[in-house]
């Protein structure tokens, strides 16, 4: 079982429940929003840690990163070659669906996307963090000594 994938999808559901239950507009970001985002980010670090402790290879923590890179690249390609790919278009922006999928897929980072709105970082930060957070947990899991209990036979 890949813990990073399960936690990533769990984060998607948990943050959606939080986001649709909160009061205020989408651009109002409170301290609670940052706290929830931080806790869900810690879940991803813990998932990377669990992957390392279960003896999984490093590549297992990068699957969500690969999905994010795919969505990011598709968003950029459809934006560059917009008129050729008008099947997925909504208005003038041909990359709308891929950009929306990238933002929804990384919903737990919503406060950061609000902060970086208008700059190019709103799409790049989730992609980078989808690599860094589970990798950090995996590194911690590999560096910490294995917890072996000495069993004595009587």
C-alpha atoms as a PDB file:
ATOM      1  CA  UNK A   1       0.000   0.000   0.000  1.00  0.00           C
ATOM      2  CA  UNK A   2       1.397   3.367  -1.012  1.00  0.00           C
ATOM      3  CA  UNK A   3       0.703   5.648   1.932  1.00  0.00           C
ATOM      4  CA  UNK A   4       1.520   8.849   0.034  1.00  0.00           C
ATOM      5  CA  UNK A   5      -1.167   8.156  -2.568  1.00  0.00           C
ATOM      6  CA  UNK A   6      -3.759   7.300   0.075  1.00  0.00           C
ATOM      7  CA  UNK A   7      -2.957  10.390   2.189  1.00  0.00           C
ATOM      8  CA  UNK A   8      -2.870  12.642  -0.884  1.00  0.00           C
ATOM      9  CA  UNK A   9      -6.341  11.534  -1.916  1.00  0.00           C
ATOM     10  CA  UNK A  10      -7.463  11.753   1.715  1.00  0.00           C
ATOM     11  CA  UNK A  11      -6.174  15.323   1.849  1.00  0.00           C
ATOM     12  CA  UNK A  12      -8.252  16.089  -1.211  1.00  0.00           C
ATOM     13  CA  UNK A  13     -11.426  14.882   0.505  1.00  0.00           C
ATOM     14  CA  UNK A  14     -10.627  16.429   3.904  1.00  0.00           C
ATOM     15  CA  UNK A  15      -9.804  19.845   2.506  1.00  0.00           C
ATOM     16  CA  UNK A  16     -12.881  19.807   0.255  1.00  0.00           C
ATOM     17  CA  UNK A  17     -15.052  19.132   3.317  1.00  0.00           C
ATOM     18  CA  UNK A  18     -13.319  21.938   5.213  1.00  0.00           C
ATOM     19  CA  UNK A  19     -13.400  24.385   2.295  1.00  0.00           C
ATOM     20  CA  UNK A  20     -17.098  23.977   1.542  1.00  0.00           C
ATOM     21  CA  UNK A  21     -17.990  24.163   5.228  1.00  0.00           C
ATOM     22  CA  UNK A  22     -16.160  27.367   6.035  1.00  0.00           C
ATOM     23  CA  UNK A  23     -17.663  30.837   6.080  1.00  0.00           C
ATOM     24  CA  UNK A  24     -16.522  33.789   4.000  1.00  0.00           C
ATOM     25  CA  UNK A  25     -15.429  34.209   0.420  1.00  0.00           C
ATOM     26  CA  UNK A  26     -12.778  32.211  -1.391  1.00  0.00           C
ATOM     27  CA  UNK A  27     -10.172  34.956  -1.182  1.00  0.00           C
ATOM     28  CA  UNK A  28     -10.502  35.462   2.579  1.00  0.00           C
ATOM     29  CA  UNK A  29      -7.718  33.401   4.115  1.00  0.00           C
ATOM     30  CA  UNK A  30      -7.673  33.088   7.894  1.00  0.00           C
ATOM     31  CA  UNK A  31      -5.249  31.586  10.357  1.00  0.00           C
ATOM     32  CA  UNK A  32      -7.407  28.477  10.520  1.00  0.00           C
ATOM     33  CA  UNK A  33      -6.920  27.988   6.769  1.00  0.00           C
ATOM     34  CA  UNK A  34      -3.148  28.022   7.235  1.00  0.00           C
ATOM     35  CA  UNK A  35      -3.432  25.649  10.199  1.00  0.00           C
ATOM     36  CA  UNK A  36      -5.532  23.123   8.278  1.00  0.00           C
ATOM     37  CA  UNK A  37      -3.180  23.373   5.296  1.00  0.00           C
ATOM     38  CA  UNK A  38      -0.168  22.850   7.573  1.00  0.00           C
ATOM     39  CA  UNK A  39      -1.728  19.819   9.260  1.00  0.00           C
ATOM     40  CA  UNK A  40      -2.565  18.229   5.916  1.00  0.00           C
ATOM     41  CA  UNK A  41       1.004  18.922   4.771  1.00  0.00           C
ATOM     42  CA  UNK A  42       2.274  17.154   7.898  1.00  0.00           C
ATOM     43  CA  UNK A  43       0.098  14.178   6.916  1.00  0.00           C
ATOM     44  CA  UNK A  44       2.025  13.999   3.629  1.00  0.00           C
ATOM     45  CA  UNK A  45       5.350  14.092   5.460  1.00  0.00           C
ATOM     46  CA  UNK A  46       4.108  11.299   7.723  1.00  0.00           C
ATOM     47  CA  UNK A  47       2.994   9.279   4.674  1.00  0.00           C
ATOM     48  CA  UNK A  48       6.508   9.535   3.217  1.00  0.00           C
ATOM     49  CA  UNK A  49       7.850   8.436   6.592  1.00  0.00           C
ATOM     50  CA  UNK A  50       5.539   5.397   6.578  1.00  0.00           C
ATOM     51  CA  UNK A  51       6.649   4.463   3.055  1.00  0.00           C
ATOM     52  CA  UNK A  52      10.264   4.500   4.223  1.00  0.00           C
ATOM     53  CA  UNK A  53       9.535   2.481   7.364  1.00  0.00           C
ATOM     54  CA  UNK A  54       7.662  -0.160   5.350  1.00  0.00           C
ATOM     55  CA  UNK A  55      10.746  -0.615   3.144  1.00  0.00           C
ATOM     56  CA  UNK A  56       9.276   0.846  -0.030  1.00  0.00           C
ATOM     57  CA  UNK A  57      11.557   2.363  -2.633  1.00  0.00           C
ATOM     58  CA  UNK A  58      11.883   6.122  -3.008  1.00  0.00           C
ATOM     59  CA  UNK A  59       9.915   6.184  -6.249  1.00  0.00           C
ATOM     60  CA  UNK A  60       6.740   5.316  -4.322  1.00  0.00           C
ATOM     61  CA  UNK A  61       6.647   8.770  -2.733  1.00  0.00           C
ATOM     62  CA  UNK A  62       6.911  10.485  -6.119  1.00  0.00           C
ATOM     63  CA  UNK A  63       3.740   9.218  -7.819  1.00  0.00           C
ATOM     64  CA  UNK A  64       1.719  12.256  -6.817  1.00  0.00           C
ATOM     65  CA  UNK A  65       4.556  14.466  -8.022  1.00  0.00           C
ATOM     66  CA  UNK A  66       4.418  12.755 -11.431  1.00  0.00           C
ATOM     67  CA  UNK A  67       0.664  13.359 -11.636  1.00  0.00           C
ATOM     68  CA  UNK A  68       1.218  17.030 -10.738  1.00  0.00           C
ATOM     69  CA  UNK A  69       3.956  17.378 -13.352  1.00  0.00           C
ATOM     70  CA  UNK A  70       1.648  15.825 -15.961  1.00  0.00           C
ATOM     71  CA  UNK A  71      -1.146  18.279 -15.128  1.00  0.00           C
ATOM     72  CA  UNK A  72       1.310  21.202 -15.080  1.00  0.00           C
ATOM     73  CA  UNK A  73       2.831  20.274 -18.443  1.00  0.00           C
ATOM     74  CA  UNK A  74      -0.598  19.750 -20.015  1.00  0.00           C
ATOM     75  CA  UNK A  75      -1.701  23.097 -18.657  1.00  0.00           C
ATOM     76  CA  UNK A  76       1.312  24.764 -20.256  1.00  0.00           C
ATOM     77  CA  UNK A  77       0.990  22.904 -23.566  1.00  0.00           C
ATOM     78  CA  UNK A  78      -2.690  23.665 -23.942  1.00  0.00           C
ATOM     79  CA  UNK A  79      -1.978  27.288 -23.094  1.00  0.00           C
ATOM     80  CA  UNK A  80       0.752  27.519 -25.755  1.00  0.00           C
ATOM     81  CA  UNK A  81      -1.089  25.694 -28.522  1.00  0.00           C
ATOM     82  CA  UNK A  82      -4.558  26.913 -27.559  1.00  0.00           C
ATOM     83  CA  UNK A  83      -6.306  27.177 -30.893  1.00  0.00           C
ATOM     84  CA  UNK A  84      -5.250  23.666 -31.875  1.00  0.00           C
ATOM     85  CA  UNK A  85      -6.730  22.122 -28.724  1.00  0.00           C
ATOM     86  CA  UNK A  86     -10.071  23.883 -28.523  1.00  0.00           C
ATOM     87  CA  UNK A  87     -12.039  20.740 -27.553  1.00  0.00           C
ATOM     88  CA  UNK A  88     -11.110  21.237 -23.895  1.00  0.00           C
ATOM     89  CA  UNK A  89     -11.426  24.995 -24.063  1.00  0.00           C
ATOM     90  CA  UNK A  90     -13.658  27.181 -21.951  1.00  0.00           C
ATOM     91  CA  UNK A  91     -13.572  30.651 -23.411  1.00  0.00           C
ATOM     92  CA  UNK A  92     -10.118  31.986 -24.190  1.00  0.00           C
ATOM     93  CA  UNK A  93      -8.137  29.753 -21.887  1.00  0.00           C
ATOM     94  CA  UNK A  94      -7.506  26.322 -23.341  1.00  0.00           C
ATOM     95  CA  UNK A  95      -5.601  25.182 -20.288  1.00  0.00           C
ATOM     96  CA  UNK A  96      -8.492  25.886 -17.924  1.00  0.00           C
ATOM     97  CA  UNK A  97      -9.405  22.258 -17.209  1.00  0.00           C
ATOM     98  CA  UNK A  98      -5.822  21.185 -16.530  1.00  0.00           C
ATOM     99  CA  UNK A  99      -5.161  24.221 -14.363  1.00  0.00           C
ATOM    100  CA  UNK A 100      -8.359  23.589 -12.447  1.00  0.00           C
ATOM    101  CA  UNK A 101      -7.447  19.911 -12.008  1.00  0.00           C
ATOM    102  CA  UNK A 102      -4.009  20.902 -10.711  1.00  0.00           C
ATOM    103  CA  UNK A 103      -5.472  23.346  -8.189  1.00  0.00           C
ATOM    104  CA  UNK A 104      -8.204  20.968  -7.029  1.00  0.00           C
ATOM    105  CA  UNK A 105      -5.773  18.052  -6.787  1.00  0.00           C
ATOM    106  CA  UNK A 106      -3.609  20.207  -4.510  1.00  0.00           C
ATOM    107  CA  UNK A 107      -6.506  21.795  -2.645  1.00  0.00           C
ATOM    108  CA  UNK A 108      -4.767  21.451   0.711  1.00  0.00           C
ATOM    109  CA  UNK A 109      -2.395  24.215  -0.476  1.00  0.00           C
ATOM    110  CA  UNK A 110      -5.257  26.615  -1.176  1.00  0.00           C
ATOM    111  CA  UNK A 111      -3.936  29.403   1.113  1.00  0.00           C
ATOM    112  CA  UNK A 112      -0.670  29.424  -0.828  1.00  0.00           C
ATOM    113  CA  UNK A 113      -2.436  29.620  -4.170  1.00  0.00           C
ATOM    114  CA  UNK A 114      -4.363  32.665  -2.916  1.00  0.00           C
ATOM    115  CA  UNK A 115      -1.132  34.338  -1.786  1.00  0.00           C
ATOM    116  CA  UNK A 116       0.625  33.645  -5.095  1.00  0.00           C
ATOM    117  CA  UNK A 117      -2.396  34.445  -7.264  1.00  0.00           C
ATOM    118  CA  UNK A 118      -1.383  36.601 -10.194  1.00  0.00           C
ATOM    119  CA  UNK A 119       2.187  35.340 -10.219  1.00  0.00           C
ATOM    120  CA  UNK A 120       3.473  32.226 -11.898  1.00  0.00           C
ATOM    121  CA  UNK A 121       4.054  30.598  -8.513  1.00  0.00           C
ATOM    122  CA  UNK A 122       0.408  29.699  -7.935  1.00  0.00           C
ATOM    123  CA  UNK A 123       0.839  26.629 -10.157  1.00  0.00           C
ATOM    124  CA  UNK A 124       4.513  25.914  -9.520  1.00  0.00           C
ATOM    125  CA  UNK A 125       4.445  25.773  -5.711  1.00  0.00           C
ATOM    126  CA  UNK A 126       1.998  22.823  -5.502  1.00  0.00           C
ATOM    127  CA  UNK A 127       4.079  20.863  -8.004  1.00  0.00           C
ATOM    128  CA  UNK A 128       7.288  21.469  -6.073  1.00  0.00           C
ATOM    129  CA  UNK A 129       5.713  20.753  -2.681  1.00  0.00           C
ATOM    130  CA  UNK A 130       4.227  17.487  -3.958  1.00  0.00           C
ATOM    131  CA  UNK A 131       7.836  16.338  -4.331  1.00  0.00           C
ATOM    132  CA  UNK A 132       9.390  17.979  -1.278  1.00  0.00           C
ATOM    133  CA  UNK A 133       6.894  17.039   1.451  1.00  0.00           C
ATOM    134  CA  UNK A 134       6.741  13.246   0.909  1.00  0.00           C
ATOM    135  CA  UNK A 135      10.468  13.168   0.125  1.00  0.00           C
ATOM    136  CA  UNK A 136      11.221  14.893   3.414  1.00  0.00           C
ATOM    137  CA  UNK A 137       9.185  12.287   5.280  1.00  0.00           C
ATOM    138  CA  UNK A 138      10.905   9.493   3.370  1.00  0.00           C
ATOM    139  CA  UNK A 139      14.318  10.922   4.243  1.00  0.00           C
ATOM    140  CA  UNK A 140      13.376  11.156   7.923  1.00  0.00           C
ATOM    141  CA  UNK A 141      12.096   7.581   7.838  1.00  0.00           C
ATOM    142  CA  UNK A 142      15.345   6.315   6.313  1.00  0.00           C
ATOM    143  CA  UNK A 143      17.605   8.273   8.674  1.00  0.00           C
ATOM    144  CA  UNK A 144      15.875   7.357  11.931  1.00  0.00           C
ATOM    145  CA  UNK A 145      17.073   4.053  13.358  1.00  0.00           C
ATOM    146  CA  UNK A 146      14.820   1.061  13.045  1.00  0.00           C
ATOM    147  CA  UNK A 147      12.880   0.382  16.225  1.00  0.00           C
ATOM    148  CA  UNK A 148      13.789  -3.245  16.960  1.00  0.00           C
ATOM    149  CA  UNK A 149      12.623  -4.897  20.126  1.00  0.00           C
ATOM    150  CA  UNK A 150      14.808  -7.467  21.725  1.00  0.00           C
ATOM    151  CA  UNK A 151      12.743 -10.499  22.513  1.00  0.00           C
ATOM    152  CA  UNK A 152      14.191 -12.838  25.054  1.00  0.00           C
ATOM    153  CA  UNK A 153      13.180 -16.423  25.138  1.00  0.00           C
ATOM    154  CA  UNK A 154      12.520 -17.809  28.576  1.00  0.00           C
END
